[in-house]
Amino acid sequence: MKAIVEHRSEKRVEVEGLTLCRSMKESLYIPSRIQDLSPSGLFLWAEDAFSTGENIEVVFAPDVKGHDSTKYIAEVVRMHPEMNRDFFGYGCKIKSSETITNISIGQAT
């Protein structure tokens, strides 16, 4: 397998967490998992196939009740060459971020 070249100048922080993501061309969010995060980028695994150069939105739900959530707009800069349990892997460049307050996450009835 070809070695992956590091392009981030800031240190990555390994994080494991459930996120939601969507293509900026779509309205539906899909489940995804974050693997690592830095001030300039993130790596996530998602069920959908995105294209290199595509802009996506990634939403981190709060870990603790009462805390805010964070939304990132990121550009897919590379796709991992192998799938992980039916998930595609993406290296993304963060373009913007914002805090989301008063988010309500619940089960559909």
Protein backbone atom coordinates (compact mmCIF):
# COMPACT_ATOMS: atom_id res chain seq x y z
CA MET A 1 0.00 0.00 0.00
CA LYS A 2 1.20 3.52 -0.82
CA ALA A 3 2.41 5.58 2.17
CA ILE A 4 0.19 8.50 3.13
CA VAL A 5 2.01 11.83 3.21
CA GLU A 6 1.28 14.15 6.15
CA HIS A 7 -0.07 17.50 4.97
CA ARG A 8 -1.27 19.01 8.25
CA SER A 9 1.04 21.47 9.96
CA GLU A 10 -0.78 21.24 13.31
CA LYS A 11 -0.73 18.22 15.60
CA ARG A 12 -3.57 15.73 15.20
CA VAL A 13 -5.59 14.72 18.23
CA GLU A 14 -6.95 11.18 18.13
CA VAL A 15 -10.67 11.24 18.88
CA GLU A 16 -13.28 8.55 18.59
CA GLY A 17 -16.80 9.76 18.29
CA LEU A 18 -20.03 9.58 16.41
CA THR A 19 -20.73 12.47 14.06
CA LEU A 20 -23.22 13.29 11.35
CA CYS A 21 -22.13 14.45 7.92
CA ARG A 22 -23.60 15.40 4.58
CA SER A 23 -22.52 16.60 1.21
CA MET A 24 -23.26 20.31 0.80
CA LYS A 25 -25.29 19.19 -2.26
CA GLU A 26 -27.60 17.05 -0.09
CA SER A 27 -30.04 17.76 2.73
CA LEU A 28 -29.85 14.42 4.58
CA TYR A 29 -27.20 13.74 7.21
CA ILE A 30 -25.62 10.30 7.45
CA PRO A 31 -23.87 8.66 10.40
CA SER A 32 -20.09 8.97 10.43
CA ARG A 33 -17.19 8.49 12.83
CA ILE A 34 -14.40 10.95 13.51
CA GLN A 35 -10.90 9.48 13.83
CA ASP A 36 -8.73 12.55 14.39
CA LEU A 37 -8.92 16.32 14.45
CA SER A 38 -6.51 19.26 14.21
CA PRO A 39 -7.09 23.01 13.78
CA SER A 40 -6.69 22.60 10.01
CA GLY A 41 -8.19 19.19 9.25
CA LEU A 42 -10.03 16.06 10.25
CA PHE A 43 -10.29 12.43 9.24
CA LEU A 44 -13.62 10.66 9.25
CA TRP A 45 -15.27 7.43 8.15
CA ALA A 46 -18.69 7.66 6.44
CA GLU A 47 -21.11 5.30 4.74
CA ASP A 48 -21.48 7.48 1.64
CA ALA A 49 -18.92 8.00 -1.10
CA PHE A 50 -17.77 11.62 -1.42
CA SER A 51 -15.49 12.97 -4.13
CA THR A 52 -12.13 14.66 -3.73
CA GLY A 53 -12.76 18.41 -3.82
CA GLU A 54 -16.32 18.04 -2.51
CA ASN A 55 -17.44 20.23 0.41
CA ILE A 56 -19.07 18.42 3.31
CA GLU A 57 -20.63 19.46 6.61
CA VAL A 58 -19.65 17.52 9.75
CA VAL A 59 -21.59 17.94 13.00
CA PHE A 60 -20.19 16.79 16.34
CA ALA A 61 -22.90 16.10 18.88
CA PRO A 62 -22.09 17.24 22.42
CA ASP A 63 -20.55 14.52 24.62
CA VAL A 64 -22.17 15.85 27.77
CA LYS A 65 -25.73 17.10 28.17
CA GLY A 66 -25.83 20.87 28.30
CA HIS A 67 -22.73 21.41 26.15
CA ASP A 68 -22.82 22.89 22.67
CA SER A 69 -22.24 21.06 19.43
CA THR A 70 -19.75 22.07 16.70
CA LYS A 71 -20.31 22.20 12.95
CA TYR A 72 -17.44 22.10 10.45
CA ILE A 73 -17.45 22.81 6.74
CA ALA A 74 -14.61 20.84 5.21
CA GLU A 75 -13.22 19.97 1.79
CA VAL A 76 -12.44 16.33 1.02
CA VAL A 77 -8.76 16.33 0.03
CA ARG A 78 -8.13 12.60 -0.05
CA MET A 79 -9.95 9.31 0.16
CA HIS A 80 -8.47 6.42 2.14
CA PRO A 81 -7.52 3.63 -0.29
CA GLU A 82 -9.28 0.90 1.75
CA MET A 83 -12.73 0.69 3.31
CA ASN A 84 -13.24 0.00 7.01
CA ARG A 85 -16.34 -2.14 7.65
CA ASP A 86 -18.36 -0.64 4.79
CA PHE A 87 -17.20 2.90 5.65
CA PHE A 88 -15.18 5.13 3.32
CA GLY A 89 -12.32 7.12 4.90
CA TYR A 90 -11.74 10.80 4.15
CA GLY A 91 -8.99 13.27 4.90
CA CYS A 92 -10.57 16.72 5.01
CA LYS A 93 -9.35 20.31 5.17
CA ILE A 94 -11.40 22.45 7.56
CA LYS A 95 -12.72 25.58 5.84
CA SER A 96 -14.88 26.94 8.71
CA SER A 97 -16.37 26.00 12.05
CA GLU A 98 -19.13 27.28 14.30
CA THR A 99 -20.76 26.42 17.60
CA ILE A 100 -24.37 25.28 17.46
CA THR A 101 -26.43 26.09 20.53
CA ASN A 102 -29.80 24.67 21.52
CA ILE A 103 -29.43 21.56 19.38
CA SER A 104 -31.99 18.88 20.07
CA ILE A 105 -31.17 15.27 19.23
CA GLY A 106 -33.82 12.64 19.74
CA GLN A 107 -35.30 9.48 18.32
CA ALA A 108 -37.75 9.50 15.47
CA THR A 109 -41.19 8.24 16.42
